[in-house]
Protein backbone atom coordinates (compact mmCIF):
# COMPACT_ATOMS: atom_id res chain seq x y z
CA LEU A 1 21.72 -53.31 168.83
CA LYS A 2 23.93 -50.64 170.41
CA GLY A 3 25.93 -50.41 167.20
CA VAL A 4 22.79 -49.87 165.11
CA LYS A 5 21.62 -47.08 167.42
CA ALA A 6 25.07 -45.49 167.31
CA LEU A 7 25.03 -45.51 163.50
CA GLN A 8 21.51 -44.09 163.37
CA ASN A 9 22.41 -41.21 165.70
CA ALA A 10 25.85 -40.43 164.27
CA ASP A 11 26.63 -37.07 162.70
CA VAL A 12 29.65 -38.54 160.88
CA VAL A 13 30.50 -42.15 160.03
CA LEU A 14 33.88 -42.98 158.54
CA TYR A 15 33.82 -46.17 156.50
CA ASP A 16 35.56 -47.79 153.55
CA ALA A 17 34.70 -50.15 150.71
CA LEU A 18 34.96 -53.20 152.99
CA VAL A 19 31.81 -52.23 154.94
CA SER A 20 28.72 -54.13 153.81
CA ASN A 21 25.83 -52.27 152.23
CA GLU A 22 23.48 -53.85 154.78
CA LEU A 23 25.32 -52.09 157.59
CA LEU A 24 25.29 -48.78 155.75
CA GLU A 25 21.49 -48.90 155.59
CA TYR A 26 21.50 -47.77 159.24
CA VAL A 27 23.56 -44.65 158.50
CA PRO A 28 21.40 -41.53 158.05
CA LYS A 29 21.26 -40.07 154.57
CA PRO A 30 22.96 -38.41 152.78
CA LYS A 31 26.06 -40.61 152.62
CA LYS A 32 29.26 -39.57 150.91
CA PHE A 33 32.04 -42.10 150.30
CA VAL A 34 35.44 -40.42 150.35
CA GLY A 35 37.67 -43.47 150.72
CA LYS A 36 40.06 -45.19 148.37
CA ARG A 37 38.73 -47.46 145.65
CA LYS A 38 40.58 -49.87 143.43
CA GLY A 39 41.81 -48.18 140.28
CA VAL A 40 41.37 -44.63 141.55
CA THR A 41 44.62 -42.85 142.20
CA ARG A 42 45.21 -39.66 144.10
CA THR A 43 45.75 -37.79 140.83
CA ASN A 44 42.26 -38.79 139.66
CA LYS A 45 40.56 -37.23 142.69
CA PRO A 46 39.82 -33.56 143.16
CA LYS A 47 42.11 -31.95 145.72
CA SER A 48 39.10 -31.13 147.89
CA MET A 49 38.57 -34.89 148.35
CA ILE A 50 42.13 -35.55 149.53
């Protein structure tokens, strides 16, 4: 329960593709994934994302 409240009140949450979507439902919107995904290389990402 403490973890859910912490996610709901967070200004920033760092997460990756291994986090379940159910857990991310507690993160306030908007959400922006900036982590690494399979098949996406650094050259495919805009420099502002790196």
